[in-house]
Protein backbone atom coordinates (compact mmCIF):
# COMPACT_ATOMS: atom_id res chain seq x y z
CA UNK A 1 0.00 0.00 0.00
CA UNK A 2 1.39 3.35 -1.02
CA UNK A 3 0.25 6.53 0.68
CA UNK A 4 1.03 8.73 -2.30
CA UNK A 5 -1.10 8.85 -5.42
CA UNK A 6 -0.96 11.18 -8.36
CA UNK A 7 -4.29 12.48 -9.61
CA UNK A 8 -4.94 14.92 -12.39
CA UNK A 9 -7.61 17.59 -12.25
CA UNK A 10 -9.61 17.38 -15.45
CA UNK A 11 -12.16 19.60 -17.07
CA UNK A 12 -14.72 21.05 -14.69
CA UNK A 13 -12.32 20.39 -11.79
CA UNK A 14 -12.98 16.65 -11.69
CA UNK A 15 -10.46 14.24 -10.19
CA UNK A 16 -10.33 10.47 -10.47
CA UNK A 17 -9.60 8.57 -7.27
CA UNK A 18 -7.39 5.60 -8.20
CA UNK A 19 -9.23 2.26 -8.26
CA UNK A 20 -6.93 0.65 -5.68
CA UNK A 21 -7.67 3.49 -3.23
CA UNK A 22 -11.43 3.25 -3.84
CA UNK A 23 -11.37 -0.50 -3.30
CA UNK A 24 -9.24 -0.33 -0.15
CA UNK A 25 -11.25 2.49 1.43
CA UNK A 26 -14.73 1.47 0.30
CA UNK A 27 -15.30 4.61 -1.75
CA UNK A 28 -18.08 3.98 -4.25
CA UNK A 29 -20.05 6.12 -6.66
CA UNK A 30 -21.97 8.71 -4.67
CA UNK A 31 -19.63 8.64 -1.66
CA UNK A 32 -19.30 12.15 -0.25
CA UNK A 33 -15.72 13.28 0.26
CA UNK A 34 -14.68 16.34 2.26
CA UNK A 35 -11.67 18.37 1.16
CA UNK A 36 -9.88 20.24 3.94
CA UNK A 37 -7.58 23.08 3.05
CA UNK A 38 -4.89 23.10 5.74
CA UNK A 39 -1.65 25.00 6.19
CA UNK A 40 0.11 21.77 5.19
CA UNK A 41 -1.91 21.26 2.01
CA UNK A 42 -5.13 19.62 0.91
CA UNK A 43 -6.59 16.61 2.70
CA UNK A 44 -9.35 14.48 1.18
CA UNK A 45 -11.46 12.48 3.67
CA UNK A 46 -14.69 10.53 3.80
CA UNK A 47 -17.25 11.79 6.29
CA UNK A 48 -16.42 8.91 8.63
CA UNK A 49 -12.71 9.71 8.43
CA UNK A 50 -13.42 13.38 9.15
CA UNK A 51 -15.67 12.50 12.08
CA UNK A 52 -12.92 10.28 13.54
CA UNK A 53 -10.29 12.98 12.97
CA UNK A 54 -12.39 15.53 14.89
CA UNK A 55 -12.97 13.04 17.71
CA UNK A 56 -9.24 12.34 17.91
CA UNK A 57 -8.44 16.06 17.92
CA UNK A 58 -10.92 16.68 20.74
CA UNK A 59 -10.02 13.62 22.82
CA UNK A 60 -9.36 14.59 26.42
CA UNK A 61 -10.90 18.02 25.96
CA UNK A 62 -13.79 19.02 28.21
CA UNK A 63 -15.59 21.47 25.93
CA UNK A 64 -18.39 22.13 28.41
CA UNK A 65 -15.96 23.06 31.19
CA UNK A 66 -14.02 25.31 28.81
CA UNK A 67 -17.20 27.06 27.67
CA UNK A 68 -18.42 27.57 31.24
CA UNK A 69 -15.04 28.98 32.30
CA UNK A 70 -15.05 31.35 29.34
CA UNK A 71 -18.60 32.51 30.08
CA UNK A 72 -17.77 33.04 33.76
CA UNK A 73 -14.68 35.06 32.86
CA UNK A 74 -16.71 37.20 30.46
CA UNK A 75 -19.41 37.76 33.06
CA UNK A 76 -16.80 38.74 35.67
CA UNK A 77 -15.21 41.19 33.23
CA UNK A 78 -18.61 42.74 32.49
CA UNK A 79 -19.40 43.04 36.21
CA UNK A 80 -16.04 44.71 36.85
CA UNK A 81 -16.65 47.30 34.13
PDB file of N, CA and C in Angstrom:
ATOM      1  N   UNK A   1       0.857  -1.182   0.000  1.00  0.00           N
ATOM      2  CA  UNK A   1       0.000   0.000   0.000  1.00  0.00           C
ATOM      3  C   UNK A   1       0.896   1.235   0.000  1.00  0.00           C
ATOM      4  N   UNK A   2       0.645   2.103  -0.941  1.00  0.00           N
ATOM      5  CA  UNK A   2       1.392   3.354  -1.025  1.00  0.00           C
ATOM      6  C   UNK A   2       0.495   4.484  -0.561  1.00  0.00           C
ATOM      7  N   UNK A   3       1.053   5.423   0.186  1.00  0.00           N
ATOM      8  CA  UNK A   3       0.252   6.533   0.676  1.00  0.00           C
ATOM      9  C   UNK A   3       0.258   7.729  -0.241  1.00  0.00           C
ATOM     10  N   UNK A   4       0.946   7.614  -1.375  1.00  0.00           N
ATOM     11  CA  UNK A   4       1.031   8.731  -2.299  1.00  0.00           C
ATOM     12  C   UNK A   4       0.453   8.320  -3.641  1.00  0.00           C
ATOM     13  N   UNK A   5      -0.467   9.130  -4.137  1.00  0.00           N
ATOM     14  CA  UNK A   5      -1.101   8.846  -5.423  1.00  0.00           C
ATOM     15  C   UNK A   5      -1.162  10.129  -6.220  1.00  0.00           C
ATOM     16  N   UNK A   6      -0.876  10.017  -7.484  1.00  0.00           N
ATOM     17  CA  UNK A   6      -0.958  11.181  -8.358  1.00  0.00           C
ATOM     18  C   UNK A   6      -2.313  11.191  -9.039  1.00  0.00           C
ATOM     19  N   UNK A   7      -3.017  12.305  -8.916  1.00  0.00           N
ATOM     20  CA  UNK A   7      -4.291  12.479  -9.605  1.00  0.00           C
ATOM     21  C   UNK A   7      -4.200  13.749 -10.434  1.00  0.00           C
ATOM     22  N   UNK A   8      -4.935  13.775 -11.503  1.00  0.00           N
ATOM     23  CA  UNK A   8      -4.940  14.924 -12.393  1.00  0.00           C
ATOM     24  C   UNK A   8      -6.314  15.552 -12.364  1.00  0.00           C
ATOM     25  N   UNK A   9      -6.344  16.864 -12.216  1.00  0.00           N
ATOM     26  CA  UNK A   9      -7.609  17.589 -12.248  1.00  0.00           C
ATOM     27  C   UNK A   9      -7.982  17.778 -13.712  1.00  0.00           C
ATOM     28  N   UNK A  10      -9.151  17.281 -14.076  1.00  0.00           N
ATOM     29  CA  UNK A  10      -9.611  17.376 -15.450  1.00  0.00           C
ATOM     30  C   UNK A  10     -10.529  18.559 -15.652  1.00  0.00           C
ATOM     31  N   UNK A  11     -11.226  18.520 -16.790  1.00  0.00           N
ATOM     32  CA  UNK A  11     -12.159  19.604 -17.071  1.00  0.00           C
ATOM     33  C   UNK A  11     -13.227  19.648 -15.980  1.00  0.00           C
ATOM     34  N   UNK A  12     -13.722  20.806 -15.732  1.00  0.00           N
ATOM     35  CA  UNK A  12     -14.725  21.046 -14.689  1.00  0.00           C
ATOM     36  C   UNK A  12     -14.219  20.699 -13.290  1.00  0.00           C
ATOM     37  N   UNK A  13     -12.885  20.625 -13.111  1.00  0.00           N
ATOM     38  CA  UNK A  13     -12.317  20.389 -11.787  1.00  0.00           C
ATOM     39  C   UNK A  13     -12.465  18.972 -11.283  1.00  0.00           C
ATOM     40  N   UNK A  14     -12.754  18.037 -12.128  1.00  0.00           N
ATOM     41  CA  UNK A  14     -12.976  16.653 -11.690  1.00  0.00           C
ATOM     42  C   UNK A  14     -11.650  15.922 -11.492  1.00  0.00           C
ATOM     43  N   UNK A  15     -11.625  15.077 -10.459  1.00  0.00           N
ATOM     44  CA  UNK A  15     -10.461  14.237 -10.185  1.00  0.00           C
ATOM     45  C   UNK A  15     -10.921  12.793 -10.161  1.00  0.00           C
ATOM     46  N   UNK A  16     -10.033  11.898 -10.529  1.00  0.00           N
ATOM     47  CA  UNK A  16     -10.328  10.474 -10.467  1.00  0.00           C
ATOM     48  C   UNK A  16      -9.535   9.885  -9.309  1.00  0.00           C
ATOM     49  N   UNK A  17     -10.249   9.258  -8.386  1.00  0.00           N
ATOM     50  CA  UNK A  17      -9.599   8.570  -7.273  1.00  0.00           C
ATOM     51  C   UNK A  17      -9.151   7.205  -7.808  1.00  0.00           C
ATOM     52  N   UNK A  18      -7.881   6.871  -7.660  1.00  0.00           N
ATOM     53  CA  UNK A  18      -7.391   5.598  -8.199  1.00  0.00           C
ATOM     54  C   UNK A  18      -8.202   4.402  -7.693  1.00  0.00           C
ATOM     55  N   UNK A  19      -8.396   3.425  -8.574  1.00  0.00           N
ATOM     56  CA  UNK A  19      -9.229   2.258  -8.261  1.00  0.00           C
ATOM     57  C   UNK A  19      -8.749   1.541  -7.002  1.00  0.00           C
ATOM     58  N   UNK A  20      -7.434   1.376  -6.845  1.00  0.00           N
ATOM     59  CA  UNK A  20      -6.931   0.654  -5.675  1.00  0.00           C
ATOM     60  C   UNK A  20      -7.289   1.379  -4.382  1.00  0.00           C
ATOM     61  N   UNK A  21      -7.297   2.707  -4.419  1.00  0.00           N
ATOM     62  CA  UNK A  21      -7.674   3.486  -3.231  1.00  0.00           C
ATOM     63  C   UNK A  21      -9.169   3.326  -2.970  1.00  0.00           C
ATOM     64  N   UNK A  22      -9.978   3.421  -4.007  1.00  0.00           N
ATOM     65  CA  UNK A  22     -11.433   3.252  -3.839  1.00  0.00           C
ATOM     66  C   UNK A  22     -11.753   1.885  -3.267  1.00  0.00           C
ATOM     67  N   UNK A  23     -11.105   0.862  -3.779  1.00  0.00           N
ATOM     68  CA  UNK A  23     -11.368  -0.503  -3.295  1.00  0.00           C
ATOM     69  C   UNK A  23     -10.947  -0.665  -1.842  1.00  0.00           C
ATOM     70  N   UNK A  24      -9.765  -0.175  -1.504  1.00  0.00           N
ATOM     71  CA  UNK A  24      -9.239  -0.332  -0.147  1.00  0.00           C
ATOM     72  C   UNK A  24     -10.047   0.452   0.881  1.00  0.00           C
ATOM     73  N   UNK A  25     -10.558   1.626   0.471  1.00  0.00           N
ATOM     74  CA  UNK A  25     -11.249   2.492   1.431  1.00  0.00           C
ATOM     75  C   UNK A  25     -12.771   2.389   1.358  1.00  0.00           C
ATOM     76  N   UNK A  26     -13.282   1.634   0.404  1.00  0.00           N
ATOM     77  CA  UNK A  26     -14.726   1.471   0.297  1.00  0.00           C
ATOM     78  C   UNK A  26     -15.431   2.652  -0.335  1.00  0.00           C
ATOM     79  N   UNK A  27     -14.690   3.466  -1.068  1.00  0.00           N
ATOM     80  CA  UNK A  27     -15.304   4.611  -1.753  1.00  0.00           C
ATOM     81  C   UNK A  27     -16.011   4.090  -3.002  1.00  0.00           C
ATOM     82  N   UNK A  28     -17.283   4.404  -3.105  1.00  0.00           N
ATOM     83  CA  UNK A  28     -18.085   3.979  -4.248  1.00  0.00           C
ATOM     84  C   UNK A  28     -18.732   5.209  -4.876  1.00  0.00           C
ATOM     85  N   UNK A  29     -19.352   5.013  -6.009  1.00  0.00           N
ATOM     86  CA  UNK A  29     -20.049   6.119  -6.664  1.00  0.00           C
ATOM     87  C   UNK A  29     -21.064   6.710  -5.694  1.00  0.00           C
ATOM     88  N   UNK A  30     -21.047   8.018  -5.571  1.00  0.00           N
ATOM     89  CA  UNK A  30     -21.967   8.708  -4.670  1.00  0.00           C
ATOM     90  C   UNK A  30     -21.410   8.964  -3.278  1.00  0.00           C
ATOM     91  N   UNK A  31     -20.259   8.388  -2.962  1.00  0.00           N
ATOM     92  CA  UNK A  31     -19.631   8.640  -1.658  1.00  0.00           C
ATOM     93  C   UNK A  31     -19.253  10.113  -1.564  1.00  0.00           C
ATOM     94  N   UNK A  32     -19.642  10.747  -0.463  1.00  0.00           N
ATOM     95  CA  UNK A  32     -19.303  12.153  -0.251  1.00  0.00           C
ATOM     96  C   UNK A  32     -17.911  12.225   0.353  1.00  0.00           C
ATOM     97  N   UNK A  33     -17.047  13.034  -0.264  1.00  0.00           N
ATOM     98  CA  UNK A  33     -15.716  13.279   0.259  1.00  0.00           C
ATOM     99  C   UNK A  33     -15.631  14.737   0.685  1.00  0.00           C
ATOM    100  N   UNK A  34     -14.859  14.994   1.740  1.00  0.00           N
ATOM    101  CA  UNK A  34     -14.678  16.340   2.263  1.00  0.00           C
ATOM    102  C   UNK A  34     -13.224  16.728   2.019  1.00  0.00           C
ATOM    103  N   UNK A  35     -13.019  17.883   1.399  1.00  0.00           N
ATOM    104  CA  UNK A  35     -11.667  18.368   1.164  1.00  0.00           C
ATOM    105  C   UNK A  35     -11.368  19.465   2.177  1.00  0.00           C
ATOM    106  N   UNK A  36     -10.307  19.246   2.964  1.00  0.00           N
ATOM    107  CA  UNK A  36      -9.877  20.241   3.936  1.00  0.00           C
ATOM    108  C   UNK A  36      -8.685  20.981   3.357  1.00  0.00           C
ATOM    109  N   UNK A  37      -8.722  22.280   3.434  1.00  0.00           N
ATOM    110  CA  UNK A  37      -7.575  23.083   3.047  1.00  0.00           C
ATOM    111  C   UNK A  37      -6.842  23.446   4.334  1.00  0.00           C
ATOM    112  N   UNK A  38      -5.664  22.879   4.532  1.00  0.00           N
ATOM    113  CA  UNK A  38      -4.892  23.104   5.743  1.00  0.00           C
ATOM    114  C   UNK A  38      -3.614  23.861   5.405  1.00  0.00           C
ATOM    115  N   UNK A  39      -2.917  24.305   6.425  1.00  0.00           N
ATOM    116  CA  UNK A  39      -1.654  24.996   6.188  1.00  0.00           C
ATOM    117  C   UNK A  39      -0.638  24.057   5.551  1.00  0.00           C
ATOM    118  N   UNK A  40      -0.811  22.754   5.751  1.00  0.00           N
ATOM    119  CA  UNK A  40       0.106  21.772   5.186  1.00  0.00           C
ATOM    120  C   UNK A  40      -0.289  21.283   3.811  1.00  0.00           C
ATOM    121  N   UNK A  41      -1.455  21.693   3.327  1.00  0.00           N
ATOM    122  CA  UNK A  41      -1.914  21.255   2.010  1.00  0.00           C
ATOM    123  C   UNK A  41      -3.351  20.780   2.057  1.00  0.00           C
ATOM    124  N   UNK A  42      -3.765  20.113   1.007  1.00  0.00           N
ATOM    125  CA  UNK A  42      -5.129  19.624   0.905  1.00  0.00           C
ATOM    126  C   UNK A  42      -5.225  18.212   1.465  1.00  0.00           C
ATOM    127  N   UNK A  43      -6.338  17.927   2.137  1.00  0.00           N
ATOM    128  CA  UNK A  43      -6.594  16.612   2.695  1.00  0.00           C
ATOM    129  C   UNK A  43      -7.983  16.186   2.225  1.00  0.00           C
ATOM    130  N   UNK A  44      -8.082  15.001   1.679  1.00  0.00           N
ATOM    131  CA  UNK A  44      -9.350  14.483   1.181  1.00  0.00           C
ATOM    132  C   UNK A  44      -9.785  13.336   2.080  1.00  0.00           C
ATOM    133  N   UNK A  45     -10.973  13.462   2.700  1.00  0.00           N
ATOM    134  CA  UNK A  45     -11.461  12.484   3.674  1.00  0.00           C
ATOM    135  C   UNK A  45     -12.906  12.098   3.379  1.00  0.00           C
ATOM    136  N   UNK A  46     -13.273  10.877   3.786  1.00  0.00           N
ATOM    137  CA  UNK A  46     -14.689  10.526   3.802  1.00  0.00           C
ATOM    138  C   UNK A  46     -15.305  11.174   5.036  1.00  0.00           C
ATOM    139  N   UNK A  47     -16.601  11.194   5.097  1.00  0.00           N
ATOM    140  CA  UNK A  47     -17.249  11.785   6.286  1.00  0.00           C
ATOM    141  C   UNK A  47     -16.867  11.033   7.548  1.00  0.00           C
ATOM    142  N   UNK A  48     -16.806   9.696   7.460  1.00  0.00           N
ATOM    143  CA  UNK A  48     -16.425   8.913   8.634  1.00  0.00           C
ATOM    144  C   UNK A  48     -14.999   9.212   9.071  1.00  0.00           C
ATOM    145  N   UNK A  49     -14.095   9.371   8.103  1.00  0.00           N
ATOM    146  CA  UNK A  49     -12.712   9.708   8.434  1.00  0.00           C
ATOM    147  C   UNK A  49     -12.631  11.083   9.085  1.00  0.00           C
ATOM    148  N   UNK A  50     -13.403  12.042   8.568  1.00  0.00           N
ATOM    149  CA  UNK A  50     -13.419  13.383   9.154  1.00  0.00           C
ATOM    150  C   UNK A  50     -13.973  13.348  10.568  1.00  0.00           C
ATOM    151  N   UNK A  51     -15.055  12.614  10.754  1.00  0.00           N
ATOM    152  CA  UNK A  51     -15.665  12.495  12.085  1.00  0.00           C
ATOM    153  C   UNK A  51     -14.640  11.924  13.075  1.00  0.00           C
ATOM    154  N   UNK A  52     -13.916  10.882  12.664  1.00  0.00           N
ATOM    155  CA  UNK A  52     -12.924  10.280  13.545  1.00  0.00           C
ATOM    156  C   UNK A  52     -11.773  11.240  13.806  1.00  0.00           C
ATOM    157  N   UNK A  53     -11.375  11.999  12.804  1.00  0.00           N
ATOM    158  CA  UNK A  53     -10.287  12.976  12.974  1.00  0.00           C
ATOM    159  C   UNK A  53     -10.674  14.041  14.000  1.00  0.00           C
ATOM    160  N   UNK A  54     -11.913  14.523  13.929  1.00  0.00           N
ATOM    161  CA  UNK A  54     -12.392  15.525  14.889  1.00  0.00           C
ATOM    162  C   UNK A  54     -12.435  14.925  16.288  1.00  0.00           C
ATOM    163  N   UNK A  55     -12.931  13.695  16.392  1.00  0.00           N
ATOM    164  CA  UNK A  55     -12.965  13.038  17.711  1.00  0.00           C
ATOM    165  C   UNK A  55     -11.565  12.897  18.283  1.00  0.00           C
ATOM    166  N   UNK A  56     -10.618  12.483  17.445  1.00  0.00           N
ATOM    167  CA  UNK A  56      -9.235  12.337  17.908  1.00  0.00           C
ATOM    168  C   UNK A  56      -8.659  13.674  18.346  1.00  0.00           C
ATOM    169  N   UNK A  57      -8.945  14.730  17.575  1.00  0.00           N
ATOM    170  CA  UNK A  57      -8.437  16.060  17.918  1.00  0.00           C
ATOM    171  C   UNK A  57      -9.015  16.575  19.228  1.00  0.00           C
ATOM    172  N   UNK A  58     -10.252  16.187  19.542  1.00  0.00           N
ATOM    173  CA  UNK A  58     -10.922  16.678  20.738  1.00  0.00           C
ATOM    174  C   UNK A  58     -10.788  15.735  21.930  1.00  0.00           C
ATOM    175  N   UNK A  59     -10.151  14.609  21.739  1.00  0.00           N
ATOM    176  CA  UNK A  59     -10.019  13.624  22.821  1.00  0.00           C
ATOM    177  C   UNK A  59      -9.344  14.267  24.025  1.00  0.00           C
ATOM    178  N   UNK A  60      -9.915  14.050  25.195  1.00  0.00           N
ATOM    179  CA  UNK A  60      -9.358  14.595  26.418  1.00  0.00           C
ATOM    180  C   UNK A  60      -9.716  16.044  26.678  1.00  0.00           C
ATOM    181  N   UNK A  61     -10.502  16.631  25.793  1.00  0.00           N
ATOM    182  CA  UNK A  61     -10.904  18.025  25.958  1.00  0.00           C
ATOM    183  C   UNK A  61     -12.304  18.069  26.558  1.00  0.00           C
ATOM    184  N   UNK A  62     -12.466  18.851  27.598  1.00  0.00           N
ATOM    185  CA  UNK A  62     -13.788  19.023  28.208  1.00  0.00           C
ATOM    186  C   UNK A  62     -14.359  20.343  27.695  1.00  0.00           C
ATOM    187  N   UNK A  63     -15.075  20.262  26.578  1.00  0.00           N
ATOM    188  CA  UNK A  63     -15.585  21.469  25.930  1.00  0.00           C
ATOM    189  C   UNK A  63     -16.585  22.219  26.806  1.00  0.00           C
ATOM    190  N   UNK A  64     -17.394  21.487  27.553  1.00  0.00           N
ATOM    191  CA  UNK A  64     -18.389  22.129  28.410  1.00  0.00           C
ATOM    192  C   UNK A  64     -17.693  22.938  29.497  1.00  0.00           C
ATOM    193  N   UNK A  65     -16.694  22.355  30.132  1.00  0.00           N
ATOM    194  CA  UNK A  65     -15.962  23.061  31.191  1.00  0.00           C
ATOM    195  C   UNK A  65     -15.262  24.293  30.627  1.00  0.00           C
ATOM    196  N   UNK A  66     -14.681  24.165  29.434  1.00  0.00           N
ATOM    197  CA  UNK A  66     -14.015  25.314  28.814  1.00  0.00           C
ATOM    198  C   UNK A  66     -15.018  26.428  28.500  1.00  0.00           C
ATOM    199  N   UNK A  67     -16.173  26.061  27.986  1.00  0.00           N
ATOM    200  CA  UNK A  67     -17.201  27.055  27.669  1.00  0.00           C
ATOM    201  C   UNK A  67     -17.694  27.752  28.934  1.00  0.00           C
ATOM    202  N   UNK A  68     -17.953  26.974  29.986  1.00  0.00           N
ATOM    203  CA  UNK A  68     -18.418  27.571  31.242  1.00  0.00           C
ATOM    204  C   UNK A  68     -17.372  28.513  31.824  1.00  0.00           C
ATOM    205  N   UNK A  69     -16.103  28.116  31.779  1.00  0.00           N
ATOM    206  CA  UNK A  69     -15.039  28.978  32.301  1.00  0.00           C
ATOM    207  C   UNK A  69     -14.956  30.269  31.496  1.00  0.00           C
ATOM    208  N   UNK A  70     -15.092  30.161  30.192  1.00  0.00           N
ATOM    209  CA  UNK A  70     -15.051  31.355  29.341  1.00  0.00           C
ATOM    210  C   UNK A  70     -16.230  32.277  29.637  1.00  0.00           C
ATOM    211  N   UNK A  71     -17.406  31.698  29.779  1.00  0.00           N
ATOM    212  CA  UNK A  71     -18.597  32.506  30.084  1.00  0.00           C
ATOM    213  C   UNK A  71     -18.471  33.185  31.445  1.00  0.00           C
ATOM    214  N   UNK A  72     -17.951  32.459  32.426  1.00  0.00           N
ATOM    215  CA  UNK A  72     -17.773  33.042  33.761  1.00  0.00           C
ATOM    216  C   UNK A  72     -16.771  34.186  33.721  1.00  0.00           C
ATOM    217  N   UNK A  73     -15.688  34.013  32.967  1.00  0.00           N
ATOM    218  CA  UNK A  73     -14.676  35.065  32.858  1.00  0.00           C
ATOM    219  C   UNK A  73     -15.266  36.293  32.177  1.00  0.00           C
ATOM    220  N   UNK A  74     -16.070  36.080  31.141  1.00  0.00           N
ATOM    221  CA  UNK A  74     -16.709  37.201  30.457  1.00  0.00           C
ATOM    222  C   UNK A  74     -17.687  37.929  31.375  1.00  0.00           C
ATOM    223  N   UNK A  75     -18.457  37.160  32.138  1.00  0.00           N
ATOM    224  CA  UNK A  75     -19.408  37.764  33.063  1.00  0.00           C
ATOM    225  C   UNK A  75     -18.678  38.570  34.134  1.00  0.00           C
ATOM    226  N   UNK A  76     -17.579  38.028  34.656  1.00  0.00           N
ATOM    227  CA  UNK A  76     -16.801  38.736  35.674  1.00  0.00           C
ATOM    228  C   UNK A  76     -16.221  40.026  35.112  1.00  0.00           C
ATOM    229  N   UNK A  77     -15.768  39.987  33.860  1.00  0.00           N
ATOM    230  CA  UNK A  77     -15.211  41.186  33.226  1.00  0.00           C
ATOM    231  C   UNK A  77     -16.299  42.236  33.021  1.00  0.00           C
ATOM    232  N   UNK A  78     -17.498  41.801  32.664  1.00  0.00           N
ATOM    233  CA  UNK A  78     -18.605  42.743  32.492  1.00  0.00           C
ATOM    234  C   UNK A  78     -19.022  43.350  33.819  1.00  0.00           C
ATOM    235  N   UNK A  79     -19.032  42.542  34.888  1.00  0.00           N
ATOM    236  CA  UNK A  79     -19.400  43.038  36.210  1.00  0.00           C
ATOM    237  C   UNK A  79     -18.371  44.034  36.724  1.00  0.00           C
ATOM    238  N   UNK A  80     -17.116  43.839  36.381  1.00  0.00           N
ATOM    239  CA  UNK A  80     -16.041  44.712  36.846  1.00  0.00           C
ATOM    240  C   UNK A  80     -16.057  46.049  36.108  1.00  0.00           C
ATOM    241  N   UNK A  81     -16.661  46.074  34.928  1.00  0.00           N
ATOM    242  CA  UNK A  81     -16.654  47.305  34.129  1.00  0.00           C
ATOM    243  C   UNK A  81     -17.653  48.321  34.611  1.00  0.00           C
TER     244      UNK A  81
END
